[in-house]
């Protein structure tokens, strides 16, 4: 998986070092004095990640996950919006000030907002547990419910891919947990009994999605 980390502060460095053990990681940092020295398992690019030209040099359009990890919330939001304009599927943004929680939304280009480097790294790692994932997603704050639904034997959606599901309005699949591994829904293939579906729902829509996944008919 190709991962782009923006910001070489403590959070960005921690994330880059952890994820570069198993993924292809590139770091962007605008301050020359903050560029990491010595041998690293990740690539480093000098430049402002909030500049579309710099993102182009980093081949951001071919990136699977972008992590905006600077110490400035406004900068992270600008990076997130640019990332979505480039078509990056997953954008994780560091939120430095909890009072800015309402700004870090999907409409702003942020799929998930987190507050520490350790949580960012655990989110992106392939073997994060379902419980960890739900905990991370709940950091998004109020207004979004996180649900886990295990597909029972005989579920009507078994055998379908995530893209074939007719999801109720106000719901979105976030991950499929299978055999302890977290999969992006679009890459999970056919759903099978025992899969745990992690989803985001607008308040009050949880039961509708649950009915769909467990064999009921959505309204």
C-alpha atoms as a PDB file:
ATOM      1  CA  UNK A   1       0.000   0.000   0.000  1.00  0.00           C
ATOM      2  CA  UNK A   2       1.268   3.488  -0.876  1.00  0.00           C
ATOM      3  CA  UNK A   3       1.010   5.978   1.977  1.00  0.00           C
ATOM      4  CA  UNK A   4       1.789   9.691   1.951  1.00  0.00           C
ATOM      5  CA  UNK A   5       2.589  11.314   5.310  1.00  0.00           C
ATOM      6  CA  UNK A   6       2.483  15.116   5.445  1.00  0.00           C
ATOM      7  CA  UNK A   7       4.496  16.627   8.290  1.00  0.00           C
ATOM      8  CA  UNK A   8       7.774  15.538   9.913  1.00  0.00           C
ATOM      9  CA  UNK A   9       6.914  16.410  13.491  1.00  0.00           C
ATOM     10  CA  UNK A  10       6.740  13.824  16.256  1.00  0.00           C
ATOM     11  CA  UNK A  11       3.395  12.499  14.999  1.00  0.00           C
ATOM     12  CA  UNK A  12       4.434  12.281  11.366  1.00  0.00           C
ATOM     13  CA  UNK A  13       7.766  10.639  12.170  1.00  0.00           C
ATOM     14  CA  UNK A  14       6.142   8.023  14.379  1.00  0.00           C
ATOM     15  CA  UNK A  15       3.571   7.185  11.727  1.00  0.00           C
ATOM     16  CA  UNK A  16       6.128   7.024   8.926  1.00  0.00           C
ATOM     17  CA  UNK A  17       8.496   4.770  10.853  1.00  0.00           C
ATOM     18  CA  UNK A  18       5.786   2.343  11.923  1.00  0.00           C
ATOM     19  CA  UNK A  19       4.025   2.083   8.582  1.00  0.00           C
ATOM     20  CA  UNK A  20       7.183   1.938   6.463  1.00  0.00           C
ATOM     21  CA  UNK A  21       7.932  -1.456   7.991  1.00  0.00           C
ATOM     22  CA  UNK A  22       5.299  -3.006   5.720  1.00  0.00           C
ATOM     23  CA  UNK A  23       4.185  -0.256   3.317  1.00  0.00           C
ATOM     24  CA  UNK A  24       5.689   2.138   0.780  1.00  0.00           C
ATOM     25  CA  UNK A  25       5.756   5.478   2.623  1.00  0.00           C
ATOM     26  CA  UNK A  26       6.680   8.942   1.382  1.00  0.00           C
ATOM     27  CA  UNK A  27       6.956  11.914   3.747  1.00  0.00           C
ATOM     28  CA  UNK A  28       6.494  15.574   2.784  1.00  0.00           C
ATOM     29  CA  UNK A  29       7.955  18.302   5.006  1.00  0.00           C
ATOM     30  CA  UNK A  30       8.233  22.009   4.267  1.00  0.00           C
ATOM     31  CA  UNK A  31      10.955  22.965   6.744  1.00  0.00           C
ATOM     32  CA  UNK A  32      14.467  21.797   5.750  1.00  0.00           C
ATOM     33  CA  UNK A  33      15.623  21.726   9.368  1.00  0.00           C
ATOM     34  CA  UNK A  34      12.914  19.231  10.248  1.00  0.00           C
ATOM     35  CA  UNK A  35      13.719  16.723   7.538  1.00  0.00           C
ATOM     36  CA  UNK A  36      14.718  13.384   9.072  1.00  0.00           C
ATOM     37  CA  UNK A  37      18.391  12.531   8.886  1.00  0.00           C
ATOM     38  CA  UNK A  38      20.073   9.147   8.726  1.00  0.00           C
ATOM     39  CA  UNK A  39      18.776   5.973   7.179  1.00  0.00           C
ATOM     40  CA  UNK A  40      15.000   5.690   6.915  1.00  0.00           C
ATOM     41  CA  UNK A  41      12.783   3.102   5.317  1.00  0.00           C
ATOM     42  CA  UNK A  42      10.671   5.844   3.739  1.00  0.00           C
ATOM     43  CA  UNK A  43      11.236   8.498   1.087  1.00  0.00           C
ATOM     44  CA  UNK A  44      11.380  12.208   1.969  1.00  0.00           C
ATOM     45  CA  UNK A  45      10.283  15.156  -0.158  1.00  0.00           C
ATOM     46  CA  UNK A  46      10.959  18.805   0.735  1.00  0.00           C
ATOM     47  CA  UNK A  47       7.945  21.003   0.048  1.00  0.00           C
ATOM     48  CA  UNK A  48       4.618  22.366   1.254  1.00  0.00           C
ATOM     49  CA  UNK A  49       2.043  19.568   1.264  1.00  0.00           C
ATOM     50  CA  UNK A  50      -0.719  22.183   0.940  1.00  0.00           C
ATOM     51  CA  UNK A  51       0.692  23.030  -2.513  1.00  0.00           C
ATOM     52  CA  UNK A  52      -0.940  20.994  -5.322  1.00  0.00           C
ATOM     53  CA  UNK A  53       2.347  21.067  -7.226  1.00  0.00           C
ATOM     54  CA  UNK A  54       4.190  19.409  -4.358  1.00  0.00           C
ATOM     55  CA  UNK A  55       1.509  16.736  -4.061  1.00  0.00           C
ATOM     56  CA  UNK A  56       1.886  16.092  -7.781  1.00  0.00           C
ATOM     57  CA  UNK A  57       5.654  15.644  -7.352  1.00  0.00           C
ATOM     58  CA  UNK A  58       4.908  13.138  -4.600  1.00  0.00           C
ATOM     59  CA  UNK A  59       2.627  11.225  -6.996  1.00  0.00           C
ATOM     60  CA  UNK A  60      -0.271  11.700  -4.610  1.00  0.00           C
ATOM     61  CA  UNK A  61      -2.793  10.637  -7.228  1.00  0.00           C
ATOM     62  CA  UNK A  62      -1.364   7.109  -7.007  1.00  0.00           C
ATOM     63  CA  UNK A  63      -1.520   7.046  -3.206  1.00  0.00           C
ATOM     64  CA  UNK A  64      -3.866   4.741  -1.293  1.00  0.00           C
ATOM     65  CA  UNK A  65      -3.815   6.658   1.995  1.00  0.00           C
ATOM     66  CA  UNK A  66      -2.827  10.235   2.779  1.00  0.00           C
ATOM     67  CA  UNK A  67      -2.123  11.242   6.374  1.00  0.00           C
ATOM     68  CA  UNK A  68      -2.176  14.964   7.143  1.00  0.00           C
ATOM     69  CA  UNK A  69      -0.083  15.079  10.314  1.00  0.00           C
ATOM     70  CA  UNK A  70       1.108  18.656  10.639  1.00  0.00           C
ATOM     71  CA  UNK A  71       0.749  20.622  13.855  1.00  0.00           C
ATOM     72  CA  UNK A  72      -1.739  23.040  12.286  1.00  0.00           C
ATOM     73  CA  UNK A  73      -5.373  22.072  11.886  1.00  0.00           C
ATOM     74  CA  UNK A  74      -6.037  24.532   9.073  1.00  0.00           C
ATOM     75  CA  UNK A  75      -3.112  23.134   7.093  1.00  0.00           C
ATOM     76  CA  UNK A  76      -4.313  19.582   7.632  1.00  0.00           C
ATOM     77  CA  UNK A  77      -7.767  20.524   6.377  1.00  0.00           C
ATOM     78  CA  UNK A  78      -6.339  22.124   3.237  1.00  0.00           C
ATOM     79  CA  UNK A  79      -4.243  19.017   2.575  1.00  0.00           C
ATOM     80  CA  UNK A  80      -7.256  16.771   3.135  1.00  0.00           C
ATOM     81  CA  UNK A  81      -9.396  18.674   0.655  1.00  0.00           C
ATOM     82  CA  UNK A  82      -6.647  18.598  -1.962  1.00  0.00           C
ATOM     83  CA  UNK A  83      -6.200  14.874  -1.395  1.00  0.00           C
ATOM     84  CA  UNK A  84      -9.857  14.186  -2.085  1.00  0.00           C
ATOM     85  CA  UNK A  85      -9.718  16.311  -5.212  1.00  0.00           C
ATOM     86  CA  UNK A  86      -6.913  14.030  -6.381  1.00  0.00           C
ATOM     87  CA  UNK A  87      -9.097  10.999  -5.765  1.00  0.00           C
ATOM     88  CA  UNK A  88      -7.258   9.540  -2.772  1.00  0.00           C
ATOM     89  CA  UNK A  89      -9.591   7.003  -1.181  1.00  0.00           C
ATOM     90  CA  UNK A  90      -8.547   7.278   2.465  1.00  0.00           C
ATOM     91  CA  UNK A  91      -7.604  10.574   4.117  1.00  0.00           C
ATOM     92  CA  UNK A  92      -6.632  10.560   7.777  1.00  0.00           C
ATOM     93  CA  UNK A  93      -6.076  13.938   9.441  1.00  0.00           C
ATOM     94  CA  UNK A  94      -4.498  14.862  12.736  1.00  0.00           C
ATOM     95  CA  UNK A  95      -6.735  17.079  14.844  1.00  0.00           C
ATOM     96  CA  UNK A  96      -4.651  19.208  17.210  1.00  0.00           C
ATOM     97  CA  UNK A  97      -7.424  21.219  18.865  1.00  0.00           C
ATOM     98  CA  UNK A  98     -10.475  19.217  20.049  1.00  0.00           C
ATOM     99  CA  UNK A  99     -12.636  22.304  19.583  1.00  0.00           C
ATOM    100  CA  UNK A 100     -12.076  21.933  15.833  1.00  0.00           C
ATOM    101  CA  UNK A 101     -13.779  18.541  15.776  1.00  0.00           C
ATOM    102  CA  UNK A 102     -16.751  19.904  13.868  1.00  0.00           C
ATOM    103  CA  UNK A 103     -14.459  20.935  10.997  1.00  0.00           C
ATOM    104  CA  UNK A 104     -12.991  17.483  10.404  1.00  0.00           C
ATOM    105  CA  UNK A 105     -15.812  15.988   8.377  1.00  0.00           C
ATOM    106  CA  UNK A 106     -16.129  13.953   5.180  1.00  0.00           C
ATOM    107  CA  UNK A 107     -17.404  17.107   3.487  1.00  0.00           C
ATOM    108  CA  UNK A 108     -14.030  18.682   4.313  1.00  0.00           C
ATOM    109  CA  UNK A 109     -12.202  15.724   2.812  1.00  0.00           C
ATOM    110  CA  UNK A 110     -11.445  13.967   6.112  1.00  0.00           C
ATOM    111  CA  UNK A 111     -12.431  10.315   6.343  1.00  0.00           C
ATOM    112  CA  UNK A 112     -11.139   9.912   9.880  1.00  0.00           C
ATOM    113  CA  UNK A 113      -9.759  12.478  12.331  1.00  0.00           C
ATOM    114  CA  UNK A 114      -7.471  11.298  15.109  1.00  0.00           C
ATOM    115  CA  UNK A 115      -5.429  13.047  17.732  1.00  0.00           C
ATOM    116  CA  UNK A 116      -2.249  11.015  18.194  1.00  0.00           C
ATOM    117  CA  UNK A 117       0.331   9.417  15.972  1.00  0.00           C
ATOM    118  CA  UNK A 118      -0.094   6.029  17.601  1.00  0.00           C
ATOM    119  CA  UNK A 119      -3.774   5.963  16.680  1.00  0.00           C
ATOM    120  CA  UNK A 120      -3.052   7.063  13.129  1.00  0.00           C
ATOM    121  CA  UNK A 121      -0.541   4.267  12.660  1.00  0.00           C
ATOM    122  CA  UNK A 122      -2.818   1.630  14.157  1.00  0.00           C
ATOM    123  CA  UNK A 123      -5.667   2.735  11.915  1.00  0.00           C
ATOM    124  CA  UNK A 124      -3.690   2.252   8.733  1.00  0.00           C
ATOM    125  CA  UNK A 125      -1.924  -0.961   9.675  1.00  0.00           C
ATOM    126  CA  UNK A 126      -3.508  -3.980   8.059  1.00  0.00           C
ATOM    127  CA  UNK A 127      -3.964  -6.012  11.214  1.00  0.00           C
ATOM    128  CA  UNK A 128      -5.868  -3.518  13.353  1.00  0.00           C
ATOM    129  CA  UNK A 129      -8.651  -5.265  15.276  1.00  0.00           C
ATOM    130  CA  UNK A 130     -12.325  -4.516  14.883  1.00  0.00           C
ATOM    131  CA  UNK A 131     -12.453  -3.099  18.405  1.00  0.00           C
ATOM    132  CA  UNK A 132      -9.557  -0.759  17.684  1.00  0.00           C
ATOM    133  CA  UNK A 133     -11.186   0.396  14.468  1.00  0.00           C
ATOM    134  CA  UNK A 134     -14.470   1.233  16.165  1.00  0.00           C
ATOM    135  CA  UNK A 135     -12.633   3.122  18.909  1.00  0.00           C
ATOM    136  CA  UNK A 136     -10.803   5.183  16.309  1.00  0.00           C
ATOM    137  CA  UNK A 137     -13.916   5.944  14.344  1.00  0.00           C
ATOM    138  CA  UNK A 138     -15.694   7.140  17.468  1.00  0.00           C
ATOM    139  CA  UNK A 139     -13.097   9.892  17.739  1.00  0.00           C
ATOM    140  CA  UNK A 140     -15.042  11.606  14.976  1.00  0.00           C
ATOM    141  CA  UNK A 141     -17.309  12.996  17.667  1.00  0.00           C
ATOM    142  CA  UNK A 142     -21.097  13.255  17.979  1.00  0.00           C
ATOM    143  CA  UNK A 143     -23.429  13.154  15.025  1.00  0.00           C
ATOM    144  CA  UNK A 144     -22.132   9.907  13.532  1.00  0.00           C
ATOM    145  CA  UNK A 145     -22.943   6.459  14.914  1.00  0.00           C
ATOM    146  CA  UNK A 146     -20.506   3.581  14.467  1.00  0.00           C
ATOM    147  CA  UNK A 147     -22.026   0.119  14.108  1.00  0.00           C
ATOM    148  CA  UNK A 148     -20.654  -3.416  13.984  1.00  0.00           C
ATOM    149  CA  UNK A 149     -22.842  -6.121  12.458  1.00  0.00           C
ATOM    150  CA  UNK A 150     -21.832  -9.765  12.125  1.00  0.00           C
ATOM    151  CA  UNK A 151     -23.399 -11.457   9.115  1.00  0.00           C
ATOM    152  CA  UNK A 152     -25.378 -14.462  10.341  1.00  0.00           C
ATOM    153  CA  UNK A 153     -25.601 -17.768   8.450  1.00  0.00           C
ATOM    154  CA  UNK A 154     -28.100 -17.413   5.634  1.00  0.00           C
ATOM    155  CA  UNK A 155     -27.860 -13.610   5.478  1.00  0.00           C
ATOM    156  CA  UNK A 156     -29.345 -12.357   2.244  1.00  0.00           C
ATOM    157  CA  UNK A 157     -26.327 -10.160   1.507  1.00  0.00           C
ATOM    158  CA  UNK A 158     -23.881 -13.074   1.688  1.00  0.00           C
ATOM    159  CA  UNK A 159     -22.391 -13.667  -1.727  1.00  0.00           C
ATOM    160  CA  UNK A 160     -22.703 -10.025  -2.726  1.00  0.00           C
ATOM    161  CA  UNK A 161     -19.853  -7.547  -2.935  1.00  0.00           C
ATOM    162  CA  UNK A 162     -19.956  -4.253  -1.052  1.00  0.00           C
ATOM    163  CA  UNK A 163     -20.610  -2.424  -4.304  1.00  0.00           C
ATOM    164  CA  UNK A 164     -23.698  -4.532  -4.960  1.00  0.00           C
ATOM    165  CA  UNK A 165     -25.386  -3.634  -1.680  1.00  0.00           C
ATOM    166  CA  UNK A 166     -28.288  -1.209  -1.883  1.00  0.00           C
ATOM    167  CA  UNK A 167     -27.373   0.713   1.248  1.00  0.00           C
ATOM    168  CA  UNK A 168     -30.018   2.778   3.029  1.00  0.00           C
ATOM    169  CA  UNK A 169     -29.606   6.528   2.870  1.00  0.00           C
ATOM    170  CA  UNK A 170     -27.513   7.986   5.675  1.00  0.00           C
ATOM    171  CA  UNK A 171     -25.225   4.953   5.922  1.00  0.00           C
ATOM    172  CA  UNK A 172     -21.757   4.094   4.623  1.00  0.00           C
ATOM    173  CA  UNK A 173     -19.638   0.966   4.955  1.00  0.00           C
ATOM    174  CA  UNK A 174     -16.218   1.630   6.435  1.00  0.00           C
ATOM    175  CA  UNK A 175     -14.597  -1.795   6.718  1.00  0.00           C
ATOM    176  CA  UNK A 176     -15.130  -5.532   6.555  1.00  0.00           C
ATOM    177  CA  UNK A 177     -13.428  -7.490   9.323  1.00  0.00           C
ATOM    178  CA  UNK A 178     -12.675 -11.067   8.291  1.00  0.00           C
ATOM    179  CA  UNK A 179     -10.531 -13.541  10.215  1.00  0.00           C
ATOM    180  CA  UNK A 180      -9.108 -10.732  12.313  1.00  0.00           C
ATOM    181  CA  UNK A 181      -8.087  -8.603   9.337  1.00  0.00           C
ATOM    182  CA  UNK A 182      -9.597  -5.267   8.351  1.00  0.00           C
ATOM    183  CA  UNK A 183     -10.401  -4.965   4.663  1.00  0.00           C
ATOM    184  CA  UNK A 184     -11.500  -1.951   2.653  1.00  0.00           C
ATOM    185  CA  UNK A 185     -15.064  -2.856   1.567  1.00  0.00           C
ATOM    186  CA  UNK A 186     -14.311  -2.493  -2.127  1.00  0.00           C
ATOM    187  CA  UNK A 187     -11.449  -4.985  -1.803  1.00  0.00           C
ATOM    188  CA  UNK A 188     -13.186  -7.528   0.417  1.00  0.00           C
ATOM    189  CA  UNK A 189     -14.708  -9.507  -2.448  1.00  0.00           C
ATOM    190  CA  UNK A 190     -17.894 -11.448  -1.753  1.00  0.00           C
ATOM    191  CA  UNK A 191     -19.319 -11.122   1.739  1.00  0.00           C
ATOM    192  CA  UNK A 192     -19.558 -14.317   3.757  1.00  0.00           C
ATOM    193  CA  UNK A 193     -21.280 -15.354   6.971  1.00  0.00           C
ATOM    194  CA  UNK A 194     -19.180 -14.330   9.939  1.00  0.00           C
ATOM    195  CA  UNK A 195     -17.909 -11.127   8.332  1.00  0.00           C
ATOM    196  CA  UNK A 196     -18.196  -8.155  10.674  1.00  0.00           C
ATOM    197  CA  UNK A 197     -19.386  -5.053   8.841  1.00  0.00           C
ATOM    198  CA  UNK A 198     -18.242  -1.757  10.348  1.00  0.00           C
ATOM    199  CA  UNK A 199     -20.289   1.214   9.170  1.00  0.00           C
ATOM    200  CA  UNK A 200     -20.998   4.866   9.816  1.00  0.00           C
ATOM    201  CA  UNK A 201     -24.630   5.866  10.182  1.00  0.00           C
ATOM    202  CA  UNK A 202     -26.545   9.040  10.716  1.00  0.00           C
ATOM    203  CA  UNK A 203     -28.322   8.905  14.087  1.00  0.00           C
ATOM    204  CA  UNK A 204     -31.427   6.749  13.899  1.00  0.00           C
ATOM    205  CA  UNK A 205     -30.372   4.828  10.792  1.00  0.00           C
ATOM    206  CA  UNK A 206     -28.528   2.034  12.574  1.00  0.00           C
ATOM    207  CA  UNK A 207     -31.500  -0.316  12.764  1.00  0.00           C
ATOM    208  CA  UNK A 208     -32.257   0.050   9.064  1.00  0.00           C
ATOM    209  CA  UNK A 209     -28.754  -0.999   8.114  1.00  0.00           C
ATOM    210  CA  UNK A 210     -28.852  -3.828  10.643  1.00  0.00           C
ATOM    211  CA  UNK A 211     -32.032  -5.186   9.050  1.00  0.00           C
ATOM    212  CA  UNK A 212     -30.429  -5.134   5.619  1.00  0.00           C
ATOM    213  CA  UNK A 213     -27.271  -6.932   6.734  1.00  0.00           C
ATOM    214  CA  UNK A 214     -28.935  -9.569   8.874  1.00  0.00           C
ATOM    215  CA  UNK A 215     -31.661 -10.494   6.417  1.00  0.00           C
ATOM    216  CA  UNK A 216     -34.358  -7.855   7.018  1.00  0.00           C
ATOM    217  CA  UNK A 217     -35.599  -5.514   4.341  1.00  0.00           C
ATOM    218  CA  UNK A 218     -34.473  -1.888   4.541  1.00  0.00           C
ATOM    219  CA  UNK A 219     -37.114   0.808   4.382  1.00  0.00           C
END
